[in-house]
Amino acid sequence: MNSSRRYDRLGVHSIGEFHMTVPSLTQAENFYRAFGLSVERDANGLTLRTYDGDHVWGRLGEGAKKKLDSITFHCFEEDAEALYRHILSRGVERISSPKSADTGGIWFRDPDGLALQVKPGRKTTIDCAHHRCPELPVDGTRCAPYGGQANPVLPQRLSHIARMTSSVLKQLDFYTDVLGLRLSDRSGNAVAFLHAPHGSDHHLVAFMHSEGPALHHLSWDVPTVEDVGLGMKRMHEAGYTTGWGVGRHVLGSNYFYYAQDPWGSWCEFSATMDYIPADIEWEGLDHPAGNSVYLWGPPIEPLLFVNSEA
């Protein structure tokens, strides 16, 4: 029996993978390799994995402009048929699976028209958190590694996907009512963070207000704030110098650095985010704008608010 699940709630438990179109597979390969992901080419484009596992987190194809095409969510096998019936009972229309995509489970669209798939699959969200801090000094010894001797920063998993939308409230209602996600925190109509009910990071998906739909960022978990800083250093050395951080968020509590990809969206190094166990009744609150972005860090990068798919 999986100890990290709720039998009184029906809903997805994880992100399985995402599909995205980009203008240049070569640029994508260079960027994601620099970020610390394992990138492979196949007949359809690129696959993105972390170096410590074989799970495919992302599949990228080439096209005229960058566009998030679809997201697959995983559910428990024993919940699948009941969840499919629930989804269809909410007035959702089934669609055919996109070209070259997995035909399993059920396909439909969210209020912004993004293709979604729900199917049984591995629980990629963690069952419990093991937060740790960087190595601390011991009196009389040297603590920090010499330059070039630090361990390489390798993302461990995809933590969440954040998207821009013209209606945060429509997306919030849809993802809680149809997919069974739960509100973690929000700030009015500007931003909302949602977690999965079966043990999840503070947010599995997030939505922020913009003039239309777009991918805002992909967030990748690393162990400590030092890994966040070293990730920033490596991206700068690779030539990807547009970013924001290092800083710390309020909602989610995680340390962050955002690196801008070649098409205007972002990849985040994220460490020590709040974790919501399955048996916790988390209270989702509506926070003032001053608490919705960050606790500390450099001034906000204006490019963070640009819709890269408008």
Protein backbone atom coordinates (compact mmCIF):
# COMPACT_ATOMS: atom_id res chain seq x y z
CA MET A 1 0.00 0.00 0.00
CA ASN A 2 1.26 3.46 -0.89
CA SER A 3 1.54 5.43 2.37
CA SER A 4 1.41 8.74 0.51
CA ARG A 5 -2.13 8.79 -0.79
CA ARG A 6 -5.63 9.84 0.20
CA TYR A 7 -8.48 7.39 -0.21
CA ASP A 8 -11.04 10.13 0.44
CA ARG A 9 -9.89 12.27 -2.51
CA LEU A 10 -9.90 11.52 -6.21
CA GLY A 11 -7.25 13.26 -8.23
CA VAL A 12 -3.97 13.08 -10.12
CA HIS A 13 -0.79 12.63 -8.10
CA SER A 14 2.03 13.76 -10.43
CA ILE A 15 3.22 15.35 -13.60
CA GLY A 16 4.24 12.62 -15.99
CA GLU A 17 5.77 14.65 -18.80
CA PHE A 18 5.33 17.73 -20.96
CA HIS A 19 5.52 18.23 -24.72
CA MET A 20 6.83 21.47 -26.20
CA THR A 21 7.61 22.86 -29.65
CA VAL A 22 10.76 24.96 -30.02
CA PRO A 23 12.24 26.76 -33.05
CA SER A 24 15.63 25.05 -32.76
CA LEU A 25 16.39 21.62 -31.35
CA THR A 26 20.08 22.47 -31.40
CA GLN A 27 19.54 25.52 -29.21
CA ALA A 28 17.31 23.45 -26.92
CA GLU A 29 19.92 20.72 -26.63
CA ASN A 30 22.62 23.23 -25.72
CA PHE A 31 20.47 25.02 -23.15
CA TYR A 32 19.14 21.96 -21.33
CA ARG A 33 22.54 20.28 -21.26
CA ALA A 34 24.00 23.42 -19.69
CA PHE A 35 21.15 23.33 -17.16
CA GLY A 36 22.19 19.84 -16.09
CA LEU A 37 19.68 17.58 -17.81
CA SER A 38 20.32 14.46 -19.87
CA VAL A 39 19.26 15.27 -23.45
CA GLU A 40 18.85 12.69 -26.20
CA ARG A 41 17.69 12.92 -29.80
CA ASP A 42 15.20 10.51 -31.29
CA ALA A 43 13.03 10.38 -34.41
CA ASN A 44 10.57 12.94 -33.00
CA GLY A 45 13.00 15.43 -31.47
CA LEU A 46 14.54 15.60 -28.01
CA THR A 47 13.86 13.81 -24.73
CA LEU A 48 14.75 15.34 -21.37
CA ARG A 49 15.72 13.22 -18.37
CA THR A 50 17.61 13.82 -15.14
CA TYR A 51 20.93 12.02 -14.78
CA ASP A 52 19.78 9.88 -11.86
CA GLY A 53 16.81 8.20 -13.57
CA ASP A 54 15.29 6.98 -16.82
CA HIS A 55 11.99 8.85 -16.56
CA VAL A 56 11.29 11.12 -19.56
CA TRP A 57 10.19 14.48 -18.18
CA GLY A 58 9.94 16.36 -21.45
CA ARG A 59 9.69 15.77 -25.19
CA LEU A 60 10.55 18.57 -27.60
CA GLY A 61 9.75 18.88 -31.28
CA GLU A 62 10.81 21.54 -33.76
CA GLY A 63 8.42 24.15 -35.15
CA ALA A 64 8.04 27.77 -36.13
CA LYS A 65 7.76 29.15 -32.58
CA LYS A 66 8.01 28.03 -28.99
CA LYS A 67 4.78 26.63 -27.59
CA LEU A 68 3.83 24.37 -24.70
CA ASP A 69 1.78 21.69 -26.43
CA SER A 70 0.58 19.30 -23.71
CA ILE A 71 1.03 18.02 -20.18
CA THR A 72 0.50 14.44 -19.01
CA PHE A 73 -0.66 13.88 -15.43
CA HIS A 74 -0.40 10.54 -13.66
CA CYS A 75 -2.98 8.92 -11.40
CA PHE A 76 -3.11 5.67 -9.45
CA GLU A 77 -4.11 2.63 -11.54
CA GLU A 78 -6.96 1.77 -9.18
CA ASP A 79 -8.35 5.32 -9.45
CA ALA A 80 -8.17 5.62 -13.23
CA GLU A 81 -11.67 4.60 -14.33
CA ALA A 82 -13.37 6.55 -11.54
CA LEU A 83 -11.24 9.60 -12.35
CA TYR A 84 -12.05 9.36 -16.07
CA ARG A 85 -15.78 9.25 -15.24
CA HIS A 86 -15.39 12.22 -12.93
CA ILE A 87 -13.53 14.26 -15.58
CA LEU A 88 -16.22 13.60 -18.18
CA SER A 89 -18.96 14.37 -15.66
CA ARG A 90 -17.61 17.93 -15.39
CA GLY A 91 -18.55 18.65 -19.00
CA VAL A 92 -15.07 18.04 -20.39
CA GLU A 93 -14.92 16.82 -23.99
CA ARG A 94 -12.50 14.09 -24.96
CA ILE A 95 -10.08 14.82 -27.77
CA SER A 96 -7.84 12.60 -29.87
CA SER A 97 -4.26 12.29 -28.70
CA PRO A 98 -1.92 14.77 -30.40
CA LYS A 99 0.29 13.52 -33.21
CA SER A 100 3.05 11.18 -31.99
CA ALA A 101 1.73 11.35 -28.38
CA ASP A 102 0.79 8.44 -26.15
CA THR A 103 -2.79 7.32 -26.84
CA GLY A 104 -3.38 5.90 -23.35
CA GLY A 105 -5.69 7.27 -20.68
CA ILE A 106 -7.94 10.18 -21.51
CA TRP A 107 -7.15 13.37 -23.47
CA PHE A 108 -9.00 16.70 -23.13
CA ARG A 109 -8.29 20.45 -22.97
CA ASP A 110 -8.12 22.95 -20.13
CA PRO A 111 -9.74 26.43 -20.31
CA ASP A 112 -6.73 27.83 -22.20
CA GLY A 113 -6.93 25.07 -24.79
CA LEU A 114 -3.83 23.20 -23.61
CA ALA A 115 -4.05 19.46 -24.33
CA LEU A 116 -3.99 17.40 -21.14
CA GLN A 117 -3.64 13.67 -20.65
CA VAL A 118 -4.55 11.74 -17.51
CA LYS A 119 -3.41 8.15 -17.26
CA PRO A 120 -2.07 5.67 -14.68
CA GLY A 121 1.62 6.17 -14.11
CA ARG A 122 4.54 6.42 -11.75
CA LYS A 123 4.20 8.78 -8.80
CA THR A 124 6.91 11.29 -9.64
CA THR A 125 6.06 13.54 -6.70
CA ILE A 126 7.99 12.63 -3.57
CA ASP A 127 6.33 10.73 -0.71
CA CYS A 128 8.21 12.68 1.96
CA ALA A 129 10.74 15.48 2.03
CA HIS A 130 14.36 15.15 3.19
CA HIS A 131 15.44 18.77 3.32
CA ARG A 132 19.05 19.56 4.02
CA CYS A 133 21.29 22.60 4.10
CA PRO A 134 24.74 23.07 2.59
CA GLU A 135 27.68 21.81 4.61
CA LEU A 136 28.19 24.09 7.59
CA PRO A 137 31.56 25.31 8.87
CA VAL A 138 33.37 23.52 11.68
CA ASP A 139 35.66 25.71 13.76
CA GLY A 140 39.27 25.40 12.69
CA THR A 141 38.60 23.83 9.27
CA ARG A 142 37.92 25.10 5.76
CA CYS A 143 34.32 24.54 4.65
CA ALA A 144 33.72 25.83 1.12
CA PRO A 145 35.23 23.78 -1.72
CA TYR A 146 37.85 25.38 -3.93
CA GLY A 147 36.62 26.75 -7.23
CA GLY A 148 36.18 23.95 -9.74
CA GLN A 149 35.99 21.26 -7.03
CA ALA A 150 32.31 21.64 -6.13
CA ASN A 151 30.02 18.76 -7.08
CA PRO A 152 28.18 19.39 -10.35
CA VAL A 153 24.62 20.70 -10.01
CA LEU A 154 22.27 18.05 -11.38
CA PRO A 155 18.51 18.55 -11.14
CA GLN A 156 16.84 15.59 -9.45
CA ARG A 157 13.27 15.87 -10.76
CA LEU A 158 10.74 18.21 -12.30
CA SER A 159 9.10 19.93 -9.33
CA HIS A 160 6.39 21.99 -11.03
CA ILE A 161 5.22 23.73 -14.18
CA ALA A 162 4.16 27.39 -14.02
CA ARG A 163 2.03 28.92 -16.74
CA MET A 164 0.70 32.29 -17.77
CA THR A 165 -3.04 32.65 -18.33
CA SER A 166 -5.61 35.37 -18.95
CA SER A 167 -7.79 33.95 -16.16
CA VAL A 168 -6.11 32.55 -13.06
CA LEU A 169 -9.53 31.92 -11.50
CA LYS A 170 -10.79 29.80 -14.42
CA GLN A 171 -7.66 27.67 -14.27
CA LEU A 172 -7.89 27.40 -10.49
CA ASP A 173 -11.50 26.22 -10.68
CA PHE A 174 -10.73 23.74 -13.47
CA TYR A 175 -7.66 22.12 -11.95
CA THR A 176 -9.25 21.75 -8.51
CA ASP A 177 -12.67 20.59 -9.72
CA VAL A 178 -11.65 18.39 -12.66
CA LEU A 179 -8.17 17.09 -11.76
CA GLY A 180 -8.54 17.09 -7.99
CA LEU A 181 -5.63 19.41 -7.21
CA ARG A 182 -5.79 21.57 -4.06
CA LEU A 183 -5.17 25.27 -3.53
CA SER A 184 -1.90 25.88 -1.69
CA ASP A 185 -1.83 29.69 -1.79
CA ARG A 186 -2.90 32.55 -4.05
CA SER A 187 -2.71 36.31 -4.35
CA GLY A 188 -6.02 37.59 -5.64
CA ASN A 189 -6.39 37.10 -9.38
CA ALA A 190 -2.65 37.49 -9.97
CA VAL A 191 -1.19 34.08 -9.07
CA ALA A 192 -2.30 30.71 -7.70
CA PHE A 193 -0.33 27.65 -6.55
CA LEU A 194 -1.83 24.15 -6.49
CA HIS A 195 -0.63 20.87 -4.98
CA ALA A 196 -1.61 17.26 -5.51
CA PRO A 197 -3.64 15.59 -2.73
CA HIS A 198 -1.45 12.49 -2.35
CA GLY A 199 1.70 14.13 -0.96
CA SER A 200 3.22 16.91 -3.03
CA ASP A 201 5.51 19.90 -3.18
CA HIS A 202 3.76 23.16 -2.26
CA HIS A 203 2.93 23.47 -5.93
CA LEU A 204 2.71 20.96 -8.75
CA VAL A 205 1.28 23.61 -11.08
CA ALA A 206 1.08 27.40 -10.80
CA PHE A 207 -0.73 30.09 -12.77
CA MET A 208 0.08 33.77 -13.14
CA HIS A 209 -1.97 36.43 -14.88
CA SER A 210 -0.97 37.61 -18.35
CA GLU A 211 -2.62 38.62 -21.61
CA GLY A 212 -2.82 35.00 -22.76
CA PRO A 213 -1.54 31.46 -22.25
CA ALA A 214 2.17 30.63 -22.22
CA LEU A 215 4.70 28.50 -20.45
CA HIS A 216 6.32 30.65 -17.78
CA HIS A 217 8.82 28.23 -16.25
CA LEU A 218 9.82 24.66 -15.62
CA SER A 219 11.06 24.17 -12.06
CA TRP A 220 13.70 21.55 -11.29
CA ASP A 221 14.53 20.43 -7.77
CA VAL A 222 18.12 20.53 -6.50
CA PRO A 223 19.24 19.63 -2.96
CA THR A 224 20.36 22.90 -1.36
CA VAL A 225 20.58 26.65 -1.82
CA GLU A 226 24.28 26.20 -2.63
CA ASP A 227 23.24 24.07 -5.62
CA VAL A 228 20.96 26.90 -6.70
CA GLY A 229 23.92 29.32 -6.60
CA LEU A 230 26.25 26.93 -8.37
CA GLY A 231 23.58 26.36 -11.02
CA MET A 232 23.44 30.10 -11.61
CA LYS A 233 27.22 30.19 -11.94
CA ARG A 234 27.24 27.36 -14.47
CA MET A 235 24.51 28.97 -16.61
CA HIS A 236 26.42 32.25 -16.64
CA GLU A 237 29.61 30.45 -17.68
CA ALA A 238 27.69 28.75 -20.50
CA GLY A 239 26.57 32.14 -21.80
CA TYR A 240 23.01 32.15 -20.42
CA THR A 241 23.36 35.33 -18.39
CA THR A 242 19.75 36.58 -18.36
CA GLY A 243 18.13 35.40 -15.14
CA TRP A 244 16.71 36.25 -11.76
CA GLY A 245 18.03 35.22 -8.36
CA VAL A 246 19.45 33.87 -6.22
CA GLY A 247 16.54 34.58 -3.88
CA ARG A 248 13.90 33.01 -1.69
CA HIS A 249 10.17 32.84 -2.34
CA VAL A 250 7.54 33.40 0.33
CA LEU A 251 4.81 31.13 -1.07
CA GLY A 252 6.52 27.74 -1.28
CA SER A 253 9.54 28.98 0.72
CA ASN A 254 12.01 27.64 -1.85
CA TYR A 255 15.33 29.19 -2.85
CA PHE A 256 15.46 29.96 -6.56
CA TYR A 257 17.39 30.98 -9.60
CA TYR A 258 15.61 31.44 -12.95
CA ALA A 259 17.59 31.11 -16.17
CA GLN A 260 15.94 32.39 -19.33
CA ASP A 261 15.80 29.89 -22.18
CA PRO A 262 16.48 30.92 -25.81
CA TRP A 263 12.73 31.61 -26.42
CA GLY A 264 11.87 33.82 -23.47
CA SER A 265 10.52 31.33 -20.94
CA TRP A 266 12.48 30.13 -17.91
CA CYS A 267 14.02 27.16 -16.12
CA GLU A 268 14.26 27.35 -12.34
CA PHE A 269 16.74 25.76 -9.98
CA SER A 270 14.62 25.24 -6.84
CA ALA A 271 15.69 23.99 -3.41
CA THR A 272 13.89 23.13 -0.15
CA MET A 273 10.32 23.93 -1.15
CA ASP A 274 7.54 23.45 1.41
CA TYR A 275 6.16 19.92 1.30
CA ILE A 276 2.49 19.04 1.93
CA PRO A 277 2.07 15.43 3.16
CA ALA A 278 -1.03 13.50 2.18
CA ASP A 279 -2.39 13.52 5.73
CA ILE A 280 -2.10 17.29 6.21
CA GLU A 281 -5.15 19.55 5.75
CA TRP A 282 -3.30 22.51 4.27
CA GLU A 283 -5.15 25.82 4.38
CA GLY A 284 -4.89 27.68 1.10
CA LEU A 285 -4.79 31.42 1.84
CA ASP A 286 -5.19 34.59 -0.23
CA HIS A 287 -2.08 36.71 0.34
CA PRO A 288 -1.28 40.38 -0.34
CA ALA A 289 0.81 41.09 -3.42
CA GLY A 290 3.87 41.89 -1.32
CA ASN A 291 4.11 38.27 -0.21
CA SER A 292 3.34 36.71 -3.57
CA VAL A 293 6.76 36.92 -5.22
CA TYR A 294 9.83 36.78 -2.99
CA LEU A 295 11.18 37.25 0.52
CA TRP A 296 14.63 38.38 -0.57
CA GLY A 297 16.75 38.51 -3.68
CA PRO A 298 17.77 40.99 -6.37
CA PRO A 299 15.19 43.37 -7.85
CA ILE A 300 12.61 41.57 -9.95
CA GLU A 301 13.72 41.02 -13.54
CA PRO A 302 11.10 42.81 -15.76
CA LEU A 303 11.41 40.09 -18.42
CA LEU A 304 9.73 37.69 -15.98
CA PHE A 305 6.40 39.32 -16.82
CA VAL A 306 6.77 39.12 -20.61
CA ASN A 307 4.49 36.56 -22.26
CA SER A 308 6.84 34.52 -24.45
CA GLU A 309 4.04 32.96 -26.51
CA ALA A 310 1.88 36.06 -27.10
